[in-house]
Protein backbone atom coordinates (compact mmCIF):
# COMPACT_ATOMS: atom_id res chain seq x y z
CA MET A 1 -14.70 -203.28 168.38
CA ALA A 2 -18.39 -203.11 169.36
CA GLU A 3 -19.39 -205.51 166.57
CA THR A 4 -16.98 -208.24 167.70
CA ALA A 5 -17.61 -207.88 171.46
CA PRO A 6 -20.58 -210.29 171.72
CA ALA A 7 -18.64 -213.03 169.90
CA GLU A 8 -15.70 -212.59 172.27
CA VAL A 9 -17.94 -212.92 175.32
CA ASP A 10 -19.57 -216.09 173.90
CA GLU A 11 -16.17 -217.64 173.21
CA GLN A 12 -14.95 -217.06 176.74
CA THR A 13 -18.09 -218.23 178.49
CA GLU A 14 -17.83 -221.54 176.61
CA ASP A 15 -14.53 -222.25 178.39
CA PRO A 16 -14.62 -221.11 182.04
CA THR A 17 -10.90 -221.85 182.45
CA ALA A 18 -9.75 -219.61 179.57
CA LYS A 19 -7.63 -216.61 180.54
CA SER A 20 -9.29 -213.23 180.24
CA ALA A 21 -7.01 -210.22 179.75
CA PRO A 22 -6.46 -207.30 177.37
CA GLU A 23 -4.37 -208.20 174.32
CA ASN A 24 -1.42 -205.99 175.36
CA ARG A 25 -1.70 -206.51 179.12
CA ASP A 26 2.06 -207.11 179.48
CA ILE A 27 2.69 -203.61 178.05
CA ASP A 28 -0.39 -201.56 179.04
CA GLY A 29 -1.08 -203.23 182.41
CA PRO A 30 -2.00 -204.36 184.93
CA LEU A 31 1.57 -205.63 185.03
CA ASP A 32 3.37 -208.54 186.59
CA GLU A 33 6.33 -207.60 188.78
CA ALA A 34 8.68 -209.01 186.12
CA GLU A 35 7.16 -206.65 183.51
CA ALA A 36 7.25 -203.44 185.58
CA ASN A 37 9.90 -200.71 185.47
CA PRO A 38 12.00 -201.35 188.61
CA VAL A 39 12.98 -197.70 189.04
CA ARG A 40 9.44 -196.29 189.24
CA PRO A 41 8.50 -195.06 192.75
CA TYR A 42 5.84 -197.64 193.58
CA VAL A 43 4.20 -197.95 197.01
CA ASP A 44 4.84 -201.57 198.05
CA LEU A 45 1.74 -203.20 199.58
CA GLY A 46 2.93 -206.79 199.32
CA GLY A 47 0.78 -208.48 196.67
CA VAL A 48 0.36 -205.23 194.73
CA LYS A 49 2.37 -202.11 194.07
CA ILE A 50 0.61 -198.80 193.48
CA LEU A 51 2.04 -195.88 191.52
CA PRO A 52 1.38 -192.68 193.49
CA ARG A 53 -0.37 -189.84 191.69
CA GLU A 54 -1.77 -186.50 192.75
CA GLY A 55 -5.24 -186.76 194.29
CA LEU A 56 -4.96 -190.50 195.02
CA HIS A 57 -6.08 -191.57 198.50
CA LEU A 58 -5.12 -195.08 199.61
CA ARG A 59 -7.08 -197.18 202.12
CA LEU A 60 -6.20 -200.58 203.56
CA GLU A 61 -9.27 -202.73 204.20
CA ILE A 62 -8.68 -204.84 207.33
CA GLU A 63 -10.52 -208.04 208.28
CA GLU A 64 -11.75 -207.55 211.84
CA GLY A 65 -11.10 -211.06 213.18
CA SER A 66 -7.69 -211.79 211.68
CA LYS A 67 -6.52 -208.16 211.41
CA ARG A 68 -5.05 -208.98 208.01
CA VAL A 69 -5.25 -206.64 205.01
CA VAL A 70 -7.83 -208.16 202.65
CA ALA A 71 -8.17 -205.42 200.00
CA ILE A 72 -6.73 -202.12 198.86
CA GLY A 73 -9.16 -199.23 198.43
CA LEU A 74 -8.19 -196.38 196.10
CA ASP A 75 -10.15 -193.11 196.01
CA TYR A 76 -9.38 -191.13 192.87
CA ALA A 77 -11.11 -188.63 190.57
CA GLY A 78 -14.54 -189.01 192.17
CA SER A 79 -14.41 -192.81 192.01
CA THR A 80 -13.42 -195.66 194.27
CA LEU A 81 -11.48 -198.72 193.13
CA GLN A 82 -11.13 -201.76 195.36
CA VAL A 83 -8.46 -204.25 194.26
CA GLN A 84 -7.58 -207.77 195.37
CA PRO A 85 -4.84 -210.01 193.90
CA PHE A 86 -5.33 -213.78 193.93
CA ALA A 87 -3.11 -216.75 193.11
CA ALA A 88 -4.07 -218.49 189.88
CA PRO A 89 -2.96 -221.49 187.81
CA ARG A 90 -0.14 -220.93 185.34
CA SER A 91 -2.04 -221.95 182.22
CA SER A 92 -5.69 -221.19 183.00
CA GLY A 93 -7.69 -218.22 184.25
CA LEU A 94 -10.20 -217.48 187.00
CA TRP A 95 -12.19 -214.47 185.79
CA ASN A 96 -14.72 -216.29 183.60
CA GLU A 97 -15.74 -218.56 186.48
CA ILE A 98 -15.58 -215.89 189.21
CA ARG A 99 -17.74 -213.53 187.13
CA THR A 100 -20.57 -216.07 187.17
CA GLN A 101 -20.25 -216.49 190.94
CA ILE A 102 -20.38 -212.71 191.51
CA ALA A 103 -23.56 -212.48 189.44
CA ASP A 104 -25.13 -215.30 191.51
CA GLN A 105 -24.14 -213.61 194.80
CA ILE A 106 -25.59 -210.26 193.78
CA ALA A 107 -28.82 -211.92 192.59
CA LYS A 108 -29.17 -213.55 196.04
CA GLN A 109 -28.85 -210.06 197.61
CA GLY A 110 -31.75 -208.88 195.44
CA GLY A 111 -29.55 -207.05 192.94
CA SER A 112 -28.94 -207.48 189.23
CA THR A 113 -25.94 -207.66 186.90
CA THR A 114 -25.44 -206.92 183.23
CA PRO A 115 -22.46 -208.46 181.40
CA ARG A 116 -20.68 -206.27 178.88
CA GLU A 117 -17.38 -205.95 177.06
CA GLY A 118 -15.13 -203.35 178.70
CA PRO A 119 -11.57 -202.09 178.22
CA PHE A 120 -10.17 -205.11 180.12
CA GLY A 121 -12.44 -207.68 178.50
CA PRO A 122 -15.71 -209.02 179.94
CA GLU A 123 -17.01 -207.14 182.99
CA LEU A 124 -20.18 -206.95 185.07
CA VAL A 125 -22.21 -203.81 185.70
CA ALA A 126 -24.04 -204.46 188.96
CA GLU A 127 -27.00 -202.77 190.62
CA ILE A 128 -26.64 -203.64 194.30
CA PRO A 129 -29.22 -202.95 197.02
CA VAL A 130 -27.94 -200.48 199.62
CA ALA A 131 -27.65 -202.08 203.07
CA ALA A 132 -30.11 -201.04 205.77
CA GLY A 133 -28.97 -197.90 207.53
CA GLN A 134 -26.65 -196.85 204.69
CA GLY A 135 -29.26 -195.10 202.59
CA PRO A 136 -32.99 -194.79 201.90
CA SER A 137 -34.83 -198.12 201.85
CA GLY A 138 -35.08 -199.67 198.40
CA THR A 139 -32.20 -197.72 196.86
CA THR A 140 -29.38 -199.31 194.90
CA ARG A 141 -25.81 -198.42 194.01
CA LEU A 142 -23.98 -199.10 190.77
CA ALA A 143 -20.63 -200.89 190.61
CA ARG A 144 -18.45 -202.34 187.87
CA PHE A 145 -16.65 -205.61 188.49
CA ILE A 146 -13.53 -205.96 186.35
CA GLY A 147 -10.90 -208.68 186.28
CA VAL A 148 -7.65 -209.57 184.56
CA ASP A 149 -5.88 -212.94 184.46
CA GLY A 150 -2.09 -212.58 184.54
CA PRO A 151 0.83 -215.03 184.85
CA ARG A 152 -0.06 -217.14 187.94
CA TRP A 153 -2.30 -214.39 189.32
CA PHE A 154 -5.74 -212.84 188.94
CA LEU A 155 -6.47 -209.19 189.76
CA ARG A 156 -10.04 -208.20 190.60
CA GLY A 157 -11.27 -204.63 190.71
CA VAL A 158 -14.58 -203.08 191.81
CA ILE A 159 -15.28 -199.56 190.53
CA ALA A 160 -17.92 -197.39 192.22
CA GLY A 161 -18.78 -193.71 192.21
CA GLU A 162 -18.35 -191.59 189.09
CA GLY A 163 -16.26 -194.27 187.35
CA ALA A 164 -19.29 -196.56 187.25
CA ILE A 165 -21.52 -194.07 185.41
CA ASN A 166 -19.42 -191.33 183.79
CA PRO A 167 -17.21 -192.26 180.79
CA LYS A 168 -14.64 -189.52 181.49
CA ALA A 169 -14.29 -190.53 185.14
CA ALA A 170 -14.20 -194.18 184.06
CA ALA A 171 -11.17 -193.52 181.86
CA ALA A 172 -9.25 -192.03 184.82
CA ILE A 173 -9.96 -194.92 187.20
CA GLU A 174 -9.27 -197.50 184.44
CA ASP A 175 -5.86 -195.89 183.90
CA LEU A 176 -5.20 -196.29 187.64
CA PHE A 177 -6.13 -200.00 187.44
CA ARG A 178 -3.75 -200.44 184.50
CA SER A 179 -0.87 -198.94 186.50
CA ILE A 180 -1.11 -201.58 189.26
CA VAL A 181 1.70 -204.12 189.53
CA VAL A 182 0.92 -207.59 190.92
CA VAL A 183 3.64 -209.31 192.97
CA ARG A 184 2.82 -213.03 192.89
CA GLY A 185 6.01 -214.22 194.60
CA SER A 186 7.51 -217.68 194.23
CA SER A 187 5.76 -219.44 197.15
CA PRO A 188 3.28 -222.18 196.18
CA MET A 189 -0.32 -221.04 196.75
CA PRO A 190 -3.66 -222.71 195.99
CA PRO A 191 -5.59 -220.96 193.20
CA ARG A 192 -8.04 -218.32 194.52
CA ASP A 193 -5.99 -217.70 197.68
CA LEU A 194 -5.55 -213.98 198.35
CA ILE A 195 -1.95 -212.98 197.70
CA PRO A 196 -0.83 -211.46 201.05
CA LEU A 197 -1.18 -207.69 201.33
CA ARG A 198 0.50 -205.48 203.93
CA MET A 199 0.91 -201.96 205.19
CA PRO A 200 3.47 -199.93 203.19
CA ALA A 201 6.94 -199.89 204.72
CA THR A 202 7.09 -196.11 204.39
CA PRO A 203 4.25 -193.57 204.64
CA ALA A 204 2.68 -192.90 201.25
CA GLY A 205 0.57 -189.78 201.30
CA SER A 206 -2.76 -190.28 203.01
CA THR A 207 -3.00 -193.97 203.89
CA GLU A 208 -5.47 -195.25 206.43
CA PRO A 209 -6.78 -198.64 207.55
CA THR A 210 -10.50 -199.38 207.48
CA GLY A 211 -12.47 -202.32 208.83
CA ALA A 212 -13.70 -204.88 206.35
């Protein structure tokens, strides 16, 4: 696997519209709603469904102005995973292009990114400067940006905490990412639009809104 990884990255960066996803995504996840087991007890958050598990803490990230849910935060096994589902074209992907834009954004903030081949395909390991007041001056935090192109959707994840540095913790948070189901819906949406997220209809363990 390690020997072929650089070639795979080169291939995909040549075509920014190529889809980027694990070979068995439709079996191993993240899944499309049509691929998921309908009897599993998912927590319905609109654009995504989350499979509850012991120790999982769910946060809804709310945009202050619009009061809409803009991301789902998952705290699990010493790591945090932020997920966002976006509309995407049927035949092309978004991750190869978005990955370049994330690297540019982080560079403008004074951080750095390192591309590498991960369990979901190409990912970015980022060293991001800590905002003033949130830690000692000049310190940075590590985060992994992962992404998967599905049928008419793109799911982005940001892993921080232990899952960004510890292989054992990484395996646990990656398994959580795989278990997510994306609900694209049938409504027409421009590519890159956030698929609407919402509060769960029924309480699901410890769920709390946070400002974004």
